[in-house]
Amino acid sequence: METKGPRTKDRTVGAIVVASVAMLLSSCVWESDYDTVVAENQQLKVKLAQSLAEQNFVVAGDALFPSGGYQLSPGGQAELTKNVVPRLKVYDNVKIVVYGHTDNTPVLPKLQQQGIPDNWALSTLRATAVVSYLMSKGINPDTISAKGFGDTRPVTPNDTPEGRAANRRIVITVEGLGPSGS
């Protein structure tokens, strides 16, 4: 019977050690590679948040409300149901703000008699009506809010009927992560 000498055992142990170290090194991730992957992941998260923050849906106020009114028309409800609700439902854990805007024409006496003194109040009521409707269609009430700007942020001069019509609008903005998002 042949016995193995000390050199054969040393070679065997050495081969096992070399194989083990090679296997260990092949499964290691360099710290710099790991840091690179972590940084790329963080950049993607930032890009996603920025992408969400850039989502604006602008709807002409005349398509949603009767002239001088603040309650959604049947056509306005249909517009929101068809074109806005499906787009908002794809988001999860986002903050949605509905901004109301008006032209600079003073509110009608009929509205003043109802306690609506100015365009700011009218734009707030319109934005609130849209929020209420969107919530009735399944948008999470914890993630949506309304804000009126009245005639303070026109997109075009109010000196033509077309300009005033463009300024009567609702802007629905997905502003990023909502209360439970991270």
C-alpha atoms as a PDB file:
ATOM      1  CA  MET A   1       0.000   0.000   0.000  1.00  0.00           C
ATOM      2  CA  GLU A   2       1.276   3.375  -0.922  1.00  0.00           C
ATOM      3  CA  THR A   3       1.193   6.096   1.696  1.00  0.00           C
ATOM      4  CA  LYS A   4       1.191   9.751   1.009  1.00  0.00           C
ATOM      5  CA  GLY A   5       4.052  11.704   2.333  1.00  0.00           C
ATOM      6  CA  PRO A   6       3.981  15.139   3.933  1.00  0.00           C
ATOM      7  CA  ARG A   7       4.604  16.828   0.619  1.00  0.00           C
ATOM      8  CA  THR A   8       1.583  15.193  -0.980  1.00  0.00           C
ATOM      9  CA  LYS A   9      -0.598  16.261   1.951  1.00  0.00           C
ATOM     10  CA  ASP A  10       0.757  19.802   1.750  1.00  0.00           C
ATOM     11  CA  ARG A  11      -0.002  19.898  -1.958  1.00  0.00           C
ATOM     12  CA  THR A  12      -3.509  18.587  -1.395  1.00  0.00           C
ATOM     13  CA  VAL A  13      -4.166  21.090   1.391  1.00  0.00           C
ATOM     14  CA  GLY A  14      -2.617  23.825  -0.739  1.00  0.00           C
ATOM     15  CA  ALA A  15      -4.834  22.926  -3.688  1.00  0.00           C
ATOM     16  CA  ILE A  16      -7.901  22.963  -1.458  1.00  0.00           C
ATOM     17  CA  VAL A  17      -6.911  26.332  -0.004  1.00  0.00           C
ATOM     18  CA  VAL A  18      -6.244  27.788  -3.462  1.00  0.00           C
ATOM     19  CA  ALA A  19      -9.558  26.449  -4.770  1.00  0.00           C
ATOM     20  CA  SER A  20     -11.394  27.777  -1.716  1.00  0.00           C
ATOM     21  CA  VAL A  21      -9.803  31.216  -2.022  1.00  0.00           C
ATOM     22  CA  ALA A  22     -10.563  31.289  -5.754  1.00  0.00           C
ATOM     23  CA  MET A  23     -14.176  30.356  -5.079  1.00  0.00           C
ATOM     24  CA  LEU A  24     -14.416  32.934  -2.313  1.00  0.00           C
ATOM     25  CA  LEU A  25     -12.928  35.679  -4.477  1.00  0.00           C
ATOM     26  CA  SER A  26     -15.143  34.819  -7.415  1.00  0.00           C
ATOM     27  CA  SER A  27     -18.231  35.291  -5.249  1.00  0.00           C
ATOM     28  CA  CYS A  28     -17.052  38.546  -3.705  1.00  0.00           C
ATOM     29  CA  VAL A  29     -18.325  41.877  -4.897  1.00  0.00           C
ATOM     30  CA  TRP A  30     -15.835  44.650  -4.848  1.00  0.00           C
ATOM     31  CA  GLU A  31     -16.929  47.456  -2.566  1.00  0.00           C
ATOM     32  CA  SER A  32     -16.567  49.967  -5.389  1.00  0.00           C
ATOM     33  CA  ASP A  33     -18.886  47.872  -7.595  1.00  0.00           C
ATOM     34  CA  TYR A  34     -21.420  47.685  -4.774  1.00  0.00           C
ATOM     35  CA  ASP A  35     -21.203  51.444  -4.207  1.00  0.00           C
ATOM     36  CA  THR A  36     -21.744  52.010  -7.923  1.00  0.00           C
ATOM     37  CA  VAL A  37     -24.885  49.856  -7.953  1.00  0.00           C
ATOM     38  CA  VAL A  38     -26.218  51.616  -4.838  1.00  0.00           C
ATOM     39  CA  ALA A  39     -25.562  55.040  -6.418  1.00  0.00           C
ATOM     40  CA  GLU A  40     -27.290  53.997  -9.664  1.00  0.00           C
ATOM     41  CA  ASN A  41     -30.282  52.727  -7.691  1.00  0.00           C
ATOM     42  CA  GLN A  42     -30.520  56.034  -5.825  1.00  0.00           C
ATOM     43  CA  GLN A  43     -30.330  57.968  -9.113  1.00  0.00           C
ATOM     44  CA  LEU A  44     -33.163  55.867 -10.547  1.00  0.00           C
ATOM     45  CA  LYS A  45     -35.290  56.574  -7.467  1.00  0.00           C
ATOM     46  CA  VAL A  46     -34.660  60.317  -7.880  1.00  0.00           C
ATOM     47  CA  LYS A  47     -35.534  60.155 -11.595  1.00  0.00           C
ATOM     48  CA  LEU A  48     -38.740  58.286 -10.789  1.00  0.00           C
ATOM     49  CA  ALA A  49     -39.726  60.872  -8.177  1.00  0.00           C
ATOM     50  CA  GLN A  50     -38.935  63.684 -10.638  1.00  0.00           C
ATOM     51  CA  SER A  51     -40.959  61.947 -13.323  1.00  0.00           C
ATOM     52  CA  LEU A  52     -43.905  61.666 -10.976  1.00  0.00           C
ATOM     53  CA  ALA A  53     -43.498  65.292  -9.954  1.00  0.00           C
ATOM     54  CA  GLU A  54     -43.673  66.401 -13.568  1.00  0.00           C
ATOM     55  CA  GLN A  55     -47.079  64.879 -14.320  1.00  0.00           C
ATOM     56  CA  ASN A  56     -49.613  67.624 -15.027  1.00  0.00           C
ATOM     57  CA  PHE A  57     -53.073  67.183 -16.458  1.00  0.00           C
ATOM     58  CA  VAL A  58     -54.587  70.436 -17.676  1.00  0.00           C
ATOM     59  CA  VAL A  59     -58.316  70.499 -18.318  1.00  0.00           C
ATOM     60  CA  ALA A  60     -60.109  73.516 -19.758  1.00  0.00           C
ATOM     61  CA  GLY A  61     -62.438  74.980 -17.173  1.00  0.00           C
ATOM     62  CA  ASP A  62     -65.083  75.570 -19.827  1.00  0.00           C
ATOM     63  CA  ALA A  63     -65.132  71.813 -20.498  1.00  0.00           C
ATOM     64  CA  LEU A  64     -65.830  71.086 -16.829  1.00  0.00           C
ATOM     65  CA  PHE A  65     -68.092  73.857 -15.562  1.00  0.00           C
ATOM     66  CA  PRO A  66     -70.998  75.908 -16.868  1.00  0.00           C
ATOM     67  CA  SER A  67     -70.157  79.554 -17.504  1.00  0.00           C
ATOM     68  CA  GLY A  68     -69.803  81.326 -14.178  1.00  0.00           C
ATOM     69  CA  GLY A  69     -70.437  78.096 -12.238  1.00  0.00           C
ATOM     70  CA  TYR A  70     -68.512  75.879  -9.895  1.00  0.00           C
ATOM     71  CA  GLN A  71     -70.458  72.617 -10.015  1.00  0.00           C
ATOM     72  CA  LEU A  72     -69.204  70.059 -12.512  1.00  0.00           C
ATOM     73  CA  SER A  73     -71.350  69.750 -15.613  1.00  0.00           C
ATOM     74  CA  PRO A  74     -72.321  66.292 -16.891  1.00  0.00           C
ATOM     75  CA  GLY A  75     -69.828  66.829 -19.712  1.00  0.00           C
ATOM     76  CA  GLY A  76     -67.168  67.770 -17.166  1.00  0.00           C
ATOM     77  CA  GLN A  77     -67.836  64.605 -15.196  1.00  0.00           C
ATOM     78  CA  ALA A  78     -67.556  62.558 -18.389  1.00  0.00           C
ATOM     79  CA  GLU A  79     -64.282  64.286 -19.285  1.00  0.00           C
ATOM     80  CA  LEU A  80     -62.773  63.509 -15.880  1.00  0.00           C
ATOM     81  CA  THR A  81     -64.052  59.918 -15.902  1.00  0.00           C
ATOM     82  CA  LYS A  82     -62.743  59.201 -19.389  1.00  0.00           C
ATOM     83  CA  ASN A  83     -59.447  61.102 -19.494  1.00  0.00           C
ATOM     84  CA  VAL A  84     -58.250  61.833 -15.967  1.00  0.00           C
ATOM     85  CA  VAL A  85     -59.386  59.095 -13.573  1.00  0.00           C
ATOM     86  CA  PRO A  86     -57.673  56.253 -15.499  1.00  0.00           C
ATOM     87  CA  ARG A  87     -54.423  58.228 -15.651  1.00  0.00           C
ATOM     88  CA  LEU A  88     -54.470  58.951 -11.908  1.00  0.00           C
ATOM     89  CA  LYS A  89     -55.371  55.413 -10.873  1.00  0.00           C
ATOM     90  CA  VAL A  90     -52.046  54.086 -12.158  1.00  0.00           C
ATOM     91  CA  TYR A  91     -50.232  55.954  -9.383  1.00  0.00           C
ATOM     92  CA  ASP A  92     -49.809  54.541  -5.920  1.00  0.00           C
ATOM     93  CA  ASN A  93     -48.785  56.596  -2.899  1.00  0.00           C
ATOM     94  CA  VAL A  94     -48.488  59.928  -4.669  1.00  0.00           C
ATOM     95  CA  LYS A  95     -49.546  63.431  -3.750  1.00  0.00           C
ATOM     96  CA  ILE A  96     -52.141  64.857  -6.131  1.00  0.00           C
ATOM     97  CA  VAL A  97     -53.073  68.529  -6.065  1.00  0.00           C
ATOM     98  CA  VAL A  98     -55.902  70.020  -8.088  1.00  0.00           C
ATOM     99  CA  TYR A  99     -55.283  73.709  -8.843  1.00  0.00           C
ATOM    100  CA  GLY A 100     -58.134  75.959  -9.897  1.00  0.00           C
ATOM    101  CA  HIS A 101     -57.543  79.023 -12.098  1.00  0.00           C
ATOM    102  CA  THR A 102     -59.861  81.678 -13.493  1.00  0.00           C
ATOM    103  CA  ASP A 103     -59.669  84.578 -15.896  1.00  0.00           C
ATOM    104  CA  ASN A 104     -59.698  88.147 -14.556  1.00  0.00           C
ATOM    105  CA  THR A 105     -63.386  88.828 -15.232  1.00  0.00           C
ATOM    106  CA  PRO A 106     -65.117  89.717 -11.939  1.00  0.00           C
ATOM    107  CA  VAL A 107     -67.488  87.071 -10.603  1.00  0.00           C
ATOM    108  CA  LEU A 108     -71.128  87.487 -11.543  1.00  0.00           C
ATOM    109  CA  PRO A 109     -73.556  89.147  -9.108  1.00  0.00           C
ATOM    110  CA  LYS A 110     -75.412  85.810  -8.962  1.00  0.00           C
ATOM    111  CA  LEU A 111     -72.288  84.180  -7.485  1.00  0.00           C
ATOM    112  CA  GLN A 112     -71.673  87.095  -5.136  1.00  0.00           C
ATOM    113  CA  GLN A 113     -75.189  86.596  -3.765  1.00  0.00           C
ATOM    114  CA  GLN A 114     -74.219  82.958  -3.075  1.00  0.00           C
ATOM    115  CA  GLY A 115     -71.263  84.134  -0.984  1.00  0.00           C
ATOM    116  CA  ILE A 116     -68.565  83.825  -3.648  1.00  0.00           C
ATOM    117  CA  PRO A 117     -66.937  87.249  -3.540  1.00  0.00           C
ATOM    118  CA  ASP A 118     -64.073  86.847  -6.010  1.00  0.00           C
ATOM    119  CA  ASN A 119     -62.175  84.689  -8.487  1.00  0.00           C
ATOM    120  CA  TRP A 120     -59.984  83.181  -5.785  1.00  0.00           C
ATOM    121  CA  ALA A 121     -63.044  81.748  -4.019  1.00  0.00           C
ATOM    122  CA  LEU A 122     -64.509  80.593  -7.355  1.00  0.00           C
ATOM    123  CA  SER A 123     -61.274  78.819  -8.356  1.00  0.00           C
ATOM    124  CA  THR A 124     -61.095  77.127  -4.949  1.00  0.00           C
ATOM    125  CA  LEU A 125     -64.679  75.876  -5.252  1.00  0.00           C
ATOM    126  CA  ARG A 126     -63.986  74.546  -8.735  1.00  0.00           C
ATOM    127  CA  ALA A 127     -60.825  72.731  -7.599  1.00  0.00           C
ATOM    128  CA  THR A 128     -62.738  71.318  -4.618  1.00  0.00           C
ATOM    129  CA  ALA A 129     -65.531  70.087  -6.900  1.00  0.00           C
ATOM    130  CA  VAL A 130     -62.972  68.239  -9.028  1.00  0.00           C
ATOM    131  CA  VAL A 131     -61.347  66.696  -5.927  1.00  0.00           C
ATOM    132  CA  SER A 132     -64.720  65.519  -4.626  1.00  0.00           C
ATOM    133  CA  TYR A 133     -65.583  63.979  -7.964  1.00  0.00           C
ATOM    134  CA  LEU A 134     -62.212  62.233  -8.293  1.00  0.00           C
ATOM    135  CA  MET A 135     -62.593  60.801  -4.792  1.00  0.00           C
ATOM    136  CA  SER A 136     -66.041  59.507  -5.740  1.00  0.00           C
ATOM    137  CA  LYS A 137     -64.318  57.658  -8.607  1.00  0.00           C
ATOM    138  CA  GLY A 138     -61.835  55.916  -6.331  1.00  0.00           C
ATOM    139  CA  ILE A 139     -58.938  58.329  -5.944  1.00  0.00           C
ATOM    140  CA  ASN A 140     -57.582  58.010  -2.393  1.00  0.00           C
ATOM    141  CA  PRO A 141     -58.774  61.000  -0.300  1.00  0.00           C
ATOM    142  CA  ASP A 142     -55.561  60.855   1.745  1.00  0.00           C
ATOM    143  CA  THR A 143     -53.503  61.727  -1.331  1.00  0.00           C
ATOM    144  CA  ILE A 144     -55.510  64.492  -2.999  1.00  0.00           C
ATOM    145  CA  SER A 145     -56.111  68.153  -2.188  1.00  0.00           C
ATOM    146  CA  ALA A 146     -57.405  71.338  -3.797  1.00  0.00           C
ATOM    147  CA  LYS A 147     -56.006  74.839  -4.099  1.00  0.00           C
ATOM    148  CA  GLY A 148     -57.364  77.902  -5.858  1.00  0.00           C
ATOM    149  CA  PHE A 149     -55.259  80.622  -7.470  1.00  0.00           C
ATOM    150  CA  GLY A 150     -58.038  82.729  -8.962  1.00  0.00           C
ATOM    151  CA  ASP A 151     -56.687  84.970 -11.703  1.00  0.00           C
ATOM    152  CA  THR A 152     -53.184  85.321 -10.200  1.00  0.00           C
ATOM    153  CA  ARG A 153     -51.385  82.883 -12.533  1.00  0.00           C
ATOM    154  CA  PRO A 154     -52.589  83.440 -16.086  1.00  0.00           C
ATOM    155  CA  VAL A 155     -50.986  81.413 -18.881  1.00  0.00           C
ATOM    156  CA  THR A 156     -51.839  84.083 -21.443  1.00  0.00           C
ATOM    157  CA  PRO A 157     -53.100  87.695 -21.354  1.00  0.00           C
ATOM    158  CA  ASN A 158     -56.787  88.107 -20.482  1.00  0.00           C
ATOM    159  CA  ASP A 159     -57.358  90.694 -23.229  1.00  0.00           C
ATOM    160  CA  THR A 160     -59.141  88.348 -25.680  1.00  0.00           C
ATOM    161  CA  PRO A 161     -61.943  85.792 -25.284  1.00  0.00           C
ATOM    162  CA  GLU A 162     -59.460  83.064 -26.255  1.00  0.00           C
ATOM    163  CA  GLY A 163     -56.960  84.257 -23.649  1.00  0.00           C
ATOM    164  CA  ARG A 164     -59.606  84.330 -20.922  1.00  0.00           C
ATOM    165  CA  ALA A 165     -60.773  80.836 -21.927  1.00  0.00           C
ATOM    166  CA  ALA A 166     -57.187  79.506 -21.684  1.00  0.00           C
ATOM    167  CA  ASN A 167     -56.869  80.970 -18.186  1.00  0.00           C
ATOM    168  CA  ARG A 168     -60.051  79.254 -16.975  1.00  0.00           C
ATOM    169  CA  ARG A 169     -58.515  75.887 -16.258  1.00  0.00           C
ATOM    170  CA  ILE A 170     -57.974  73.094 -13.800  1.00  0.00           C
ATOM    171  CA  VAL A 171     -54.445  71.738 -13.421  1.00  0.00           C
ATOM    172  CA  ILE A 172     -54.135  68.328 -11.795  1.00  0.00           C
ATOM    173  CA  THR A 173     -50.584  67.710 -10.668  1.00  0.00           C
ATOM    174  CA  VAL A 174     -48.944  64.534  -9.436  1.00  0.00           C
ATOM    175  CA  GLU A 175     -46.377  66.098  -7.144  1.00  0.00           C
ATOM    176  CA  GLY A 176     -44.439  63.060  -6.032  1.00  0.00           C
ATOM    177  CA  LEU A 177     -44.637  60.631  -3.198  1.00  0.00           C
ATOM    178  CA  GLY A 178     -47.661  60.834  -0.939  1.00  0.00           C
ATOM    179  CA  PRO A 179     -47.970  60.404   2.822  1.00  0.00           C
ATOM    180  CA  SER A 180     -47.086  56.706   2.917  1.00  0.00           C
ATOM    181  CA  GLY A 181     -44.677  56.666  -0.027  1.00  0.00           C
ATOM    182  CA  SER A 182     -40.928  56.575   0.284  1.00  0.00           C
END
